[in-house]
Amino acid sequence: KELEAFTYSVSHDLRAPLRAVDGYAK
């Protein structure tokens, strides 16, 4: 359960900086 929560949290939190990188590149 901890591993699933960690995976979800990390994956979710990575989206914001990734959107910024992709947005500025566009």
mmCIF file of all heavy atoms, coordinates in Angstrom:
data_MODEL
# 
_entry.id   MODEL 
# 
loop_
_atom_site.group_PDB 
_atom_site.id 
_atom_site.type_symbol 
_atom_site.label_atom_id 
_atom_site.label_alt_id 
_atom_site.label_comp_id 
_atom_site.label_asym_id 
_atom_site.label_entity_id 
_atom_site.label_seq_id 
_atom_site.pdbx_PDB_ins_code 
_atom_site.Cartn_x 
_atom_site.Cartn_y 
_atom_site.Cartn_z 
_atom_site.occupancy 
_atom_site.B_iso_or_equiv 
_atom_site.pdbx_formal_charge 
_atom_site.auth_seq_id 
_atom_site.auth_comp_id 
_atom_site.auth_asym_id 
_atom_site.auth_atom_id 
_atom_site.pdbx_PDB_model_num 
ATOM 1   N N   . LYS A 1 1  ? 0.833  -1.211 0.000   1.00 0.00 ? 1  LYS A N   1 
ATOM 2   C CA  . LYS A 1 1  ? 0.000  0.000  0.000   1.00 0.00 ? 1  LYS A CA  1 
ATOM 3   C C   . LYS A 1 1  ? 0.863  1.255  0.000   1.00 0.00 ? 1  LYS A C   1 
ATOM 4   O O   . LYS A 1 1  ? 0.570  2.229  -0.690  1.00 0.00 ? 1  LYS A O   1 
ATOM 5   C CB  . LYS A 1 1  ? -0.931 -0.006 1.212   1.00 0.00 ? 1  LYS A CB  1 
ATOM 6   C CG  . LYS A 1 1  ? -2.101 -0.971 1.067   1.00 0.00 ? 1  LYS A CG  1 
ATOM 7   C CD  . LYS A 1 1  ? -2.966 -0.986 2.314   1.00 0.00 ? 1  LYS A CD  1 
ATOM 8   C CE  . LYS A 1 1  ? -4.115 -1.985 2.157   1.00 0.00 ? 1  LYS A CE  1 
ATOM 9   N NZ  . LYS A 1 1  ? -4.932 -2.075 3.390   1.00 0.00 ? 1  LYS A NZ  1 
ATOM 10  N N   . GLU A 1 2  ? 1.931  1.224  0.787   1.00 0.00 ? 2  GLU A N   1 
ATOM 11  C CA  . GLU A 1 2  ? 2.850  2.364  0.827   1.00 0.00 ? 2  GLU A CA  1 
ATOM 12  C C   . GLU A 1 2  ? 3.523  2.569  -0.524  1.00 0.00 ? 2  GLU A C   1 
ATOM 13  O O   . GLU A 1 2  ? 3.706  3.706  -0.984  1.00 0.00 ? 2  GLU A O   1 
ATOM 14  C CB  . GLU A 1 2  ? 3.905  2.150  1.911   1.00 0.00 ? 2  GLU A CB  1 
ATOM 15  C CG  . GLU A 1 2  ? 3.366  2.293  3.331   1.00 0.00 ? 2  GLU A CG  1 
ATOM 16  C CD  . GLU A 1 2  ? 4.414  1.972  4.380   1.00 0.00 ? 2  GLU A CD  1 
ATOM 17  O OE1 . GLU A 1 2  ? 5.483  1.438  4.013   1.00 0.00 ? 2  GLU A OE1 1 
ATOM 18  O OE2 . GLU A 1 2  ? 4.168  2.261  5.569   1.00 0.00 ? 2  GLU A OE2 1 
ATOM 19  N N   . LEU A 1 3  ? 3.893  1.452  -1.156  1.00 0.00 ? 3  LEU A N   1 
ATOM 20  C CA  . LEU A 1 3  ? 4.551  1.522  -2.464  1.00 0.00 ? 3  LEU A CA  1 
ATOM 21  C C   . LEU A 1 3  ? 3.611  2.081  -3.525  1.00 0.00 ? 3  LEU A C   1 
ATOM 22  O O   . LEU A 1 3  ? 4.003  2.911  -4.349  1.00 0.00 ? 3  LEU A O   1 
ATOM 23  C CB  . LEU A 1 3  ? 5.028  0.119  -2.868  1.00 0.00 ? 3  LEU A CB  1 
ATOM 24  C CG  . LEU A 1 3  ? 6.088  0.016  -3.961  1.00 0.00 ? 3  LEU A CG  1 
ATOM 25  C CD1 . LEU A 1 3  ? 7.350  0.765  -3.568  1.00 0.00 ? 3  LEU A CD1 1 
ATOM 26  C CD2 . LEU A 1 3  ? 6.410  -1.444 -4.251  1.00 0.00 ? 3  LEU A CD2 1 
ATOM 27  N N   . GLU A 1 4  ? 2.343  1.640  -3.489  1.00 0.00 ? 4  GLU A N   1 
ATOM 28  C CA  . GLU A 1 4  ? 1.347  2.150  -4.433  1.00 0.00 ? 4  GLU A CA  1 
ATOM 29  C C   . GLU A 1 4  ? 1.110  3.643  -4.221  1.00 0.00 ? 4  GLU A C   1 
ATOM 30  O O   . GLU A 1 4  ? 1.023  4.405  -5.188  1.00 0.00 ? 4  GLU A O   1 
ATOM 31  C CB  . GLU A 1 4  ? 0.034  1.376  -4.264  1.00 0.00 ? 4  GLU A CB  1 
ATOM 32  C CG  . GLU A 1 4  ? 0.076  -0.033 -4.852  1.00 0.00 ? 4  GLU A CG  1 
ATOM 33  C CD  . GLU A 1 4  ? -1.147 -0.848 -4.479  1.00 0.00 ? 4  GLU A CD  1 
ATOM 34  O OE1 . GLU A 1 4  ? -2.076 -0.282 -3.875  1.00 0.00 ? 4  GLU A OE1 1 
ATOM 35  O OE2 . GLU A 1 4  ? -1.170 -2.052 -4.787  1.00 0.00 ? 4  GLU A OE2 1 
ATOM 36  N N   . ALA A 1 5  ? 1.020  4.051  -2.957  1.00 0.00 ? 5  ALA A N   1 
ATOM 37  C CA  . ALA A 1 5  ? 0.810  5.469  -2.638  1.00 0.00 ? 5  ALA A CA  1 
ATOM 38  C C   . ALA A 1 5  ? 1.998  6.308  -3.089  1.00 0.00 ? 5  ALA A C   1 
ATOM 39  O O   . ALA A 1 5  ? 1.830  7.402  -3.644  1.00 0.00 ? 5  ALA A O   1 
ATOM 40  C CB  . ALA A 1 5  ? 0.587  5.642  -1.136  1.00 0.00 ? 5  ALA A CB  1 
ATOM 41  N N   . PHE A 1 6  ? 3.185  5.774  -2.871  1.00 0.00 ? 6  PHE A N   1 
ATOM 42  C CA  . PHE A 1 6  ? 4.406  6.486  -3.274  1.00 0.00 ? 6  PHE A CA  1 
ATOM 43  C C   . PHE A 1 6  ? 4.468  6.631  -4.798  1.00 0.00 ? 6  PHE A C   1 
ATOM 44  O O   . PHE A 1 6  ? 4.745  7.718  -5.321  1.00 0.00 ? 6  PHE A O   1 
ATOM 45  C CB  . PHE A 1 6  ? 5.633  5.725  -2.769  1.00 0.00 ? 6  PHE A CB  1 
ATOM 46  C CG  . PHE A 1 6  ? 6.947  6.278  -3.281  1.00 0.00 ? 6  PHE A CG  1 
ATOM 47  C CD1 . PHE A 1 6  ? 7.486  7.439  -2.739  1.00 0.00 ? 6  PHE A CD1 1 
ATOM 48  C CD2 . PHE A 1 6  ? 7.641  5.628  -4.300  1.00 0.00 ? 6  PHE A CD2 1 
ATOM 49  C CE1 . PHE A 1 6  ? 8.691  7.943  -3.202  1.00 0.00 ? 6  PHE A CE1 1 
ATOM 50  C CE2 . PHE A 1 6  ? 8.844  6.133  -4.770  1.00 0.00 ? 6  PHE A CE2 1 
ATOM 51  C CZ  . PHE A 1 6  ? 9.364  7.300  -4.220  1.00 0.00 ? 6  PHE A CZ  1 
ATOM 52  N N   . THR A 1 7  ? 4.197  5.545  -5.500  1.00 0.00 ? 7  THR A N   1 
ATOM 53  C CA  . THR A 1 7  ? 4.220  5.560  -6.969  1.00 0.00 ? 7  THR A CA  1 
ATOM 54  C C   . THR A 1 7  ? 3.217  6.561  -7.516  1.00 0.00 ? 7  THR A C   1 
ATOM 55  O O   . THR A 1 7  ? 3.526  7.339  -8.416  1.00 0.00 ? 7  THR A O   1 
ATOM 56  C CB  . THR A 1 7  ? 3.898  4.155  -7.528  1.00 0.00 ? 7  THR A CB  1 
ATOM 57  O OG1 . THR A 1 7  ? 4.815  3.219  -6.993  1.00 0.00 ? 7  THR A OG1 1 
ATOM 58  C CG2 . THR A 1 7  ? 4.011  4.140  -9.052  1.00 0.00 ? 7  THR A CG2 1 
ATOM 59  N N   . TYR A 1 8  ? 2.000  6.550  -6.957  1.00 0.00 ? 8  TYR A N   1 
ATOM 60  C CA  . TYR A 1 8  ? 0.962  7.476  -7.408  1.00 0.00 ? 8  TYR A CA  1 
ATOM 61  C C   . TYR A 1 8  ? 1.379  8.920  -7.141  1.00 0.00 ? 8  TYR A C   1 
ATOM 62  O O   . TYR A 1 8  ? 1.242  9.792  -8.004  1.00 0.00 ? 8  TYR A O   1 
ATOM 63  C CB  . TYR A 1 8  ? -0.355 7.170  -6.700  1.00 0.00 ? 8  TYR A CB  1 
ATOM 64  C CG  . TYR A 1 8  ? -1.492 8.074  -7.135  1.00 0.00 ? 8  TYR A CG  1 
ATOM 65  C CD1 . TYR A 1 8  ? -2.234 7.780  -8.275  1.00 0.00 ? 8  TYR A CD1 1 
ATOM 66  C CD2 . TYR A 1 8  ? -1.798 9.228  -6.422  1.00 0.00 ? 8  TYR A CD2 1 
ATOM 67  C CE1 . TYR A 1 8  ? -3.261 8.609  -8.691  1.00 0.00 ? 8  TYR A CE1 1 
ATOM 68  C CE2 . TYR A 1 8  ? -2.819 10.064 -6.835  1.00 0.00 ? 8  TYR A CE2 1 
ATOM 69  C CZ  . TYR A 1 8  ? -3.545 9.743  -7.959  1.00 0.00 ? 8  TYR A CZ  1 
ATOM 70  O OH  . TYR A 1 8  ? -4.559 10.572 -8.377  1.00 0.00 ? 8  TYR A OH  1 
ATOM 71  N N   . SER A 1 9  ? 1.912  9.169  -5.931  1.00 0.00 ? 9  SER A N   1 
ATOM 72  C CA  . SER A 1 9  ? 2.306  10.522 -5.543  1.00 0.00 ? 9  SER A CA  1 
ATOM 73  C C   . SER A 1 9  ? 3.420  11.053 -6.438  1.00 0.00 ? 9  SER A C   1 
ATOM 74  O O   . SER A 1 9  ? 3.347  12.184 -6.937  1.00 0.00 ? 9  SER A O   1 
ATOM 75  C CB  . SER A 1 9  ? 2.759  10.529 -4.081  1.00 0.00 ? 9  SER A CB  1 
ATOM 76  O OG  . SER A 1 9  ? 3.194  11.811 -3.717  1.00 0.00 ? 9  SER A OG  1 
ATOM 77  N N   . VAL A 1 10 ? 4.448  10.233 -6.647  1.00 0.00 ? 10 VAL A N   1 
ATOM 78  C CA  . VAL A 1 10 ? 5.580  10.654 -7.485  1.00 0.00 ? 10 VAL A CA  1 
ATOM 79  C C   . VAL A 1 10 ? 5.113  10.931 -8.913  1.00 0.00 ? 10 VAL A C   1 
ATOM 80  O O   . VAL A 1 10 ? 5.447  11.960 -9.510  1.00 0.00 ? 10 VAL A O   1 
ATOM 81  C CB  . VAL A 1 10 ? 6.694  9.585  -7.476  1.00 0.00 ? 10 VAL A CB  1 
ATOM 82  C CG1 . VAL A 1 10 ? 7.743  9.889  -8.537  1.00 0.00 ? 10 VAL A CG1 1 
ATOM 83  C CG2 . VAL A 1 10 ? 7.365  9.533  -6.106  1.00 0.00 ? 10 VAL A CG2 1 
ATOM 84  N N   . SER A 1 11 ? 4.320  10.002 -9.454  1.00 0.00 ? 11 SER A N   1 
ATOM 85  C CA  . SER A 1 11 ? 3.840  10.163 -10.830 1.00 0.00 ? 11 SER A CA  1 
ATOM 86  C C   . SER A 1 11 ? 2.989  11.412 -10.980 1.00 0.00 ? 11 SER A C   1 
ATOM 87  O O   . SER A 1 11 ? 3.120  12.166 -11.947 1.00 0.00 ? 11 SER A O   1 
ATOM 88  C CB  . SER A 1 11 ? 3.033  8.929  -11.258 1.00 0.00 ? 11 SER A CB  1 
ATOM 89  O OG  . SER A 1 11 ? 3.808  7.776  -11.169 1.00 0.00 ? 11 SER A OG  1 
ATOM 90  N N   . HIS A 1 12 ? 2.114  11.638 -9.996  1.00 0.00 ? 12 HIS A N   1 
ATOM 91  C CA  . HIS A 1 12 ? 1.226  12.799 -10.029 1.00 0.00 ? 12 HIS A CA  1 
ATOM 92  C C   . HIS A 1 12 ? 2.024  14.100 -9.918  1.00 0.00 ? 12 HIS A C   1 
ATOM 93  O O   . HIS A 1 12 ? 1.790  15.066 -10.639 1.00 0.00 ? 12 HIS A O   1 
ATOM 94  C CB  . HIS A 1 12 ? 0.204  12.689 -8.897  1.00 0.00 ? 12 HIS A CB  1 
ATOM 95  C CG  . HIS A 1 12 ? -0.879 13.704 -8.959  1.00 0.00 ? 12 HIS A CG  1 
ATOM 96  N ND1 . HIS A 1 12 ? -0.793 14.918 -8.319  1.00 0.00 ? 12 HIS A ND1 1 
ATOM 97  C CD2 . HIS A 1 12 ? -2.063 13.708 -9.624  1.00 0.00 ? 12 HIS A CD2 1 
ATOM 98  C CE1 . HIS A 1 12 ? -1.882 15.612 -8.563  1.00 0.00 ? 12 HIS A CE1 1 
ATOM 99  N NE2 . HIS A 1 12 ? -2.680 14.912 -9.346  1.00 0.00 ? 12 HIS A NE2 1 
ATOM 100 N N   . ASP A 1 13 ? 2.999  14.136 -9.003  1.00 0.00 ? 13 ASP A N   1 
ATOM 101 C CA  . ASP A 1 13 ? 3.786  15.353 -8.770  1.00 0.00 ? 13 ASP A CA  1 
ATOM 102 C C   . ASP A 1 13 ? 4.733  15.675 -9.931  1.00 0.00 ? 13 ASP A C   1 
ATOM 103 O O   . ASP A 1 13 ? 5.165  16.832 -10.076 1.00 0.00 ? 13 ASP A O   1 
ATOM 104 C CB  . ASP A 1 13 ? 4.605  15.211 -7.480  1.00 0.00 ? 13 ASP A CB  1 
ATOM 105 C CG  . ASP A 1 13 ? 3.708  15.211 -6.246  1.00 0.00 ? 13 ASP A CG  1 
ATOM 106 O OD1 . ASP A 1 13 ? 2.533  15.595 -6.384  1.00 0.00 ? 13 ASP A OD1 1 
ATOM 107 O OD2 . ASP A 1 13 ? 4.175  14.805 -5.170  1.00 0.00 ? 13 ASP A OD2 1 
ATOM 108 N N   . LEU A 1 14 ? 5.056  14.681 -10.745 1.00 0.00 ? 14 LEU A N   1 
ATOM 109 C CA  . LEU A 1 14 ? 5.945  14.909 -11.886 1.00 0.00 ? 14 LEU A CA  1 
ATOM 110 C C   . LEU A 1 14 ? 5.237  15.628 -13.028 1.00 0.00 ? 14 LEU A C   1 
ATOM 111 O O   . LEU A 1 14 ? 5.891  16.219 -13.888 1.00 0.00 ? 14 LEU A O   1 
ATOM 112 C CB  . LEU A 1 14 ? 6.503  13.576 -12.413 1.00 0.00 ? 14 LEU A CB  1 
ATOM 113 C CG  . LEU A 1 14 ? 7.634  12.932 -11.605 1.00 0.00 ? 14 LEU A CG  1 
ATOM 114 C CD1 . LEU A 1 14 ? 7.929  11.544 -12.148 1.00 0.00 ? 14 LEU A CD1 1 
ATOM 115 C CD2 . LEU A 1 14 ? 8.895  13.782 -11.672 1.00 0.00 ? 14 LEU A CD2 1 
ATOM 116 N N   . ARG A 1 15 ? 3.914  15.595 -13.019 1.00 0.00 ? 15 ARG A N   1 
ATOM 117 C CA  . ARG A 1 15 ? 3.160  16.155 -14.148 1.00 0.00 ? 15 ARG A CA  1 
ATOM 118 C C   . ARG A 1 15 ? 3.339  17.672 -14.282 1.00 0.00 ? 15 ARG A C   1 
ATOM 119 O O   . ARG A 1 15 ? 3.477  18.184 -15.392 1.00 0.00 ? 15 ARG A O   1 
ATOM 120 C CB  . ARG A 1 15 ? 1.676  15.829 -14.009 1.00 0.00 ? 15 ARG A CB  1 
ATOM 121 C CG  . ARG A 1 15 ? 1.360  14.380 -14.298 1.00 0.00 ? 15 ARG A CG  1 
ATOM 122 C CD  . ARG A 1 15 ? -0.139 14.163 -14.354 1.00 0.00 ? 15 ARG A CD  1 
ATOM 123 N NE  . ARG A 1 15 ? -0.456 12.790 -14.654 1.00 0.00 ? 15 ARG A NE  1 
ATOM 124 C CZ  . ARG A 1 15 ? -0.464 12.268 -15.874 1.00 0.00 ? 15 ARG A CZ  1 
ATOM 125 N NH1 . ARG A 1 15 ? -0.137 13.017 -16.905 1.00 0.00 ? 15 ARG A NH1 1 
ATOM 126 N NH2 . ARG A 1 15 ? -0.785 11.008 -16.070 1.00 0.00 ? 15 ARG A NH2 1 
ATOM 127 N N   . ALA A 1 16 ? 3.324  18.401 -13.148 1.00 0.00 ? 16 ALA A N   1 
ATOM 128 C CA  . ALA A 1 16 ? 3.406  19.867 -13.198 1.00 0.00 ? 16 ALA A CA  1 
ATOM 129 C C   . ALA A 1 16 ? 4.705  20.368 -13.834 1.00 0.00 ? 16 ALA A C   1 
ATOM 130 O O   . ALA A 1 16 ? 4.659  21.151 -14.806 1.00 0.00 ? 16 ALA A O   1 
ATOM 131 C CB  . ALA A 1 16 ? 3.232  20.451 -11.798 1.00 0.00 ? 16 ALA A CB  1 
ATOM 132 N N   . PRO A 1 17 ? 5.888  19.935 -13.377 1.00 0.00 ? 17 PRO A N   1 
ATOM 133 C CA  . PRO A 1 17 ? 7.121  20.403 -14.031 1.00 0.00 ? 17 PRO A CA  1 
ATOM 134 C C   . PRO A 1 17 ? 7.232  19.932 -15.476 1.00 0.00 ? 17 PRO A C   1 
ATOM 135 O O   . PRO A 1 17 ? 7.786  20.638 -16.320 1.00 0.00 ? 17 PRO A O   1 
ATOM 136 C CB  . PRO A 1 17 ? 8.245  19.811 -13.175 1.00 0.00 ? 17 PRO A CB  1 
ATOM 137 C CG  . PRO A 1 17 ? 7.620  18.727 -12.378 1.00 0.00 ? 17 PRO A CG  1 
ATOM 138 C CD  . PRO A 1 17 ? 6.205  19.108 -12.181 1.00 0.00 ? 17 PRO A CD  1 
ATOM 139 N N   . LEU A 1 18 ? 6.675  18.757 -15.768 1.00 0.00 ? 18 LEU A N   1 
ATOM 140 C CA  . LEU A 1 18 ? 6.727  18.246 -17.141 1.00 0.00 ? 18 LEU A CA  1 
ATOM 141 C C   . LEU A 1 18 ? 5.875  19.106 -18.073 1.00 0.00 ? 18 LEU A C   1 
ATOM 142 O O   . LEU A 1 18 ? 6.286  19.423 -19.192 1.00 0.00 ? 18 LEU A O   1 
ATOM 143 C CB  . LEU A 1 18 ? 6.235  16.799 -17.172 1.00 0.00 ? 18 LEU A CB  1 
ATOM 144 C CG  . LEU A 1 18 ? 6.312  16.099 -18.526 1.00 0.00 ? 18 LEU A CG  1 
ATOM 145 C CD1 . LEU A 1 18 ? 7.765  15.977 -18.981 1.00 0.00 ? 18 LEU A CD1 1 
ATOM 146 C CD2 . LEU A 1 18 ? 5.675  14.723 -18.445 1.00 0.00 ? 18 LEU A CD2 1 
ATOM 147 N N   . ARG A 1 19 ? 4.701  19.517 -17.586 1.00 0.00 ? 19 ARG A N   1 
ATOM 148 C CA  . ARG A 1 19 ? 3.841  20.406 -18.380 1.00 0.00 ? 19 ARG A CA  1 
ATOM 149 C C   . ARG A 1 19 ? 4.539  21.736 -18.647 1.00 0.00 ? 19 ARG A C   1 
ATOM 150 O O   . ARG A 1 19 ? 4.418  22.314 -19.731 1.00 0.00 ? 19 ARG A O   1 
ATOM 151 C CB  . ARG A 1 19 ? 2.512  20.634 -17.661 1.00 0.00 ? 19 ARG A CB  1 
ATOM 152 C CG  . ARG A 1 19 ? 1.492  19.538 -17.851 1.00 0.00 ? 19 ARG A CG  1 
ATOM 153 C CD  . ARG A 1 19 ? 0.097  19.993 -17.451 1.00 0.00 ? 19 ARG A CD  1 
ATOM 154 N NE  . ARG A 1 19 ? 0.017  20.310 -16.031 1.00 0.00 ? 19 ARG A NE  1 
ATOM 155 C CZ  . ARG A 1 19 ? -0.380 19.446 -15.097 1.00 0.00 ? 19 ARG A CZ  1 
ATOM 156 N NH1 . ARG A 1 19 ? -0.724 18.228 -15.436 1.00 0.00 ? 19 ARG A NH1 1 
ATOM 157 N NH2 . ARG A 1 19 ? -0.439 19.814 -13.839 1.00 0.00 ? 19 ARG A NH2 1 
ATOM 158 N N   . ALA A 1 20 ? 5.292  22.218 -17.634 1.00 0.00 ? 20 ALA A N   1 
ATOM 159 C CA  . ALA A 1 20 ? 6.020  23.481 -17.800 1.00 0.00 ? 20 ALA A CA  1 
ATOM 160 C C   . ALA A 1 20 ? 7.097  23.350 -18.872 1.00 0.00 ? 20 ALA A C   1 
ATOM 161 O O   . ALA A 1 20 ? 7.236  24.219 -19.740 1.00 0.00 ? 20 ALA A O   1 
ATOM 162 C CB  . ALA A 1 20 ? 6.649  23.897 -16.468 1.00 0.00 ? 20 ALA A CB  1 
ATOM 163 N N   . VAL A 1 21 ? 7.861  22.264 -18.832 1.00 0.00 ? 21 VAL A N   1 
ATOM 164 C CA  . VAL A 1 21 ? 8.921  22.022 -19.836 1.00 0.00 ? 21 VAL A CA  1 
ATOM 165 C C   . VAL A 1 21 ? 8.320  21.971 -21.230 1.00 0.00 ? 21 VAL A C   1 
ATOM 166 O O   . VAL A 1 21 ? 8.789  22.627 -22.169 1.00 0.00 ? 21 VAL A O   1 
ATOM 167 C CB  . VAL A 1 21 ? 9.673  20.709 -19.526 1.00 0.00 ? 21 VAL A CB  1 
ATOM 168 C CG1 . VAL A 1 21 ? 10.604 20.341 -20.678 1.00 0.00 ? 21 VAL A CG1 1 
ATOM 169 C CG2 . VAL A 1 21 ? 10.486 20.842 -18.237 1.00 0.00 ? 21 VAL A CG2 1 
ATOM 170 N N   . ASP A 1 22 ? 7.247  21.189 -21.374 1.00 0.00 ? 22 ASP A N   1 
ATOM 171 C CA  . ASP A 1 22 ? 6.602  21.027 -22.678 1.00 0.00 ? 22 ASP A CA  1 
ATOM 172 C C   . ASP A 1 22 ? 5.985  22.346 -23.147 1.00 0.00 ? 22 ASP A C   1 
ATOM 173 O O   . ASP A 1 22 ? 6.082  22.715 -24.322 1.00 0.00 ? 22 ASP A O   1 
ATOM 174 C CB  . ASP A 1 22 ? 5.524  19.936 -22.580 1.00 0.00 ? 22 ASP A CB  1 
ATOM 175 C CG  . ASP A 1 22 ? 4.991  19.540 -23.947 1.00 0.00 ? 22 ASP A CG  1 
ATOM 176 O OD1 . ASP A 1 22 ? 5.802  19.396 -24.887 1.00 0.00 ? 22 ASP A OD1 1 
ATOM 177 O OD2 . ASP A 1 22 ? 3.765  19.379 -24.083 1.00 0.00 ? 22 ASP A OD2 1 
ATOM 178 N N   . GLY A 1 23 ? 5.371  23.079 -22.216 1.00 0.00 ? 23 GLY A N   1 
ATOM 179 C CA  . GLY A 1 23 ? 4.734  24.353 -22.569 1.00 0.00 ? 23 GLY A CA  1 
ATOM 180 C C   . GLY A 1 23 ? 5.725  25.396 -23.047 1.00 0.00 ? 23 GLY A C   1 
ATOM 181 O O   . GLY A 1 23 ? 5.504  26.056 -24.073 1.00 0.00 ? 23 GLY A O   1 
ATOM 182 N N   . TYR A 1 24 ? 6.839  25.550 -22.336 1.00 0.00 ? 24 TYR A N   1 
ATOM 183 C CA  . TYR A 1 24 ? 7.854  26.518 -22.738 1.00 0.00 ? 24 TYR A CA  1 
ATOM 184 C C   . TYR A 1 24 ? 8.522  26.116 -24.052 1.00 0.00 ? 24 TYR A C   1 
ATOM 185 O O   . TYR A 1 24 ? 8.868  26.983 -24.879 1.00 0.00 ? 24 TYR A O   1 
ATOM 186 C CB  . TYR A 1 24 ? 8.901  26.684 -21.638 1.00 0.00 ? 24 TYR A CB  1 
ATOM 187 C CG  . TYR A 1 24 ? 8.431  27.559 -20.500 1.00 0.00 ? 24 TYR A CG  1 
ATOM 188 C CD1 . TYR A 1 24 ? 8.303  27.053 -19.208 1.00 0.00 ? 24 TYR A CD1 1 
ATOM 189 C CD2 . TYR A 1 24 ? 8.096  28.886 -20.717 1.00 0.00 ? 24 TYR A CD2 1 
ATOM 190 C CE1 . TYR A 1 24 ? 7.859  27.849 -18.159 1.00 0.00 ? 24 TYR A CE1 1 
ATOM 191 C CE2 . TYR A 1 24 ? 7.649  29.698 -19.675 1.00 0.00 ? 24 TYR A CE2 1 
ATOM 192 C CZ  . TYR A 1 24 ? 7.530  29.176 -18.408 1.00 0.00 ? 24 TYR A CZ  1 
ATOM 193 O OH  . TYR A 1 24 ? 7.083  29.977 -17.378 1.00 0.00 ? 24 TYR A OH  1 
ATOM 194 N N   . ALA A 1 25 ? 8.671  24.823 -24.261 1.00 0.00 ? 25 ALA A N   1 
ATOM 195 C CA  . ALA A 1 25 ? 9.254  24.352 -25.523 1.00 0.00 ? 25 ALA A CA  1 
ATOM 196 C C   . ALA A 1 25 ? 8.346  24.731 -26.701 1.00 0.00 ? 25 ALA A C   1 
ATOM 197 O O   . ALA A 1 25 ? 8.833  25.144 -27.761 1.00 0.00 ? 25 ALA A O   1 
ATOM 198 C CB  . ALA A 1 25 ? 9.461  22.837 -25.478 1.00 0.00 ? 25 ALA A CB  1 
ATOM 199 N N   . LYS A 1 26 ? 7.030  24.622 -26.492 1.00 0.00 ? 26 LYS A N   1 
ATOM 200 C CA  . LYS A 1 26 ? 6.083  24.998 -27.553 1.00 0.00 ? 26 LYS A CA  1 
ATOM 201 C C   . LYS A 1 26 ? 6.108  26.504 -27.816 1.00 0.00 ? 26 LYS A C   1 
ATOM 202 O O   . LYS A 1 26 ? 5.991  26.943 -28.970 1.00 0.00 ? 26 LYS A O   1 
ATOM 203 C CB  . LYS A 1 26 ? 4.667  24.555 -27.165 1.00 0.00 ? 26 LYS A CB  1 
ATOM 204 C CG  . LYS A 1 26 ? 4.451  23.054 -27.328 1.00 0.00 ? 26 LYS A CG  1 
ATOM 205 C CD  . LYS A 1 26 ? 3.064  22.641 -26.885 1.00 0.00 ? 26 LYS A CD  1 
ATOM 206 C CE  . LYS A 1 26 ? 2.886  21.135 -27.046 1.00 0.00 ? 26 LYS A CE  1 
ATOM 207 N NZ  . LYS A 1 26 ? 1.586  20.675 -26.484 1.00 0.00 ? 26 LYS A NZ  1 
# 
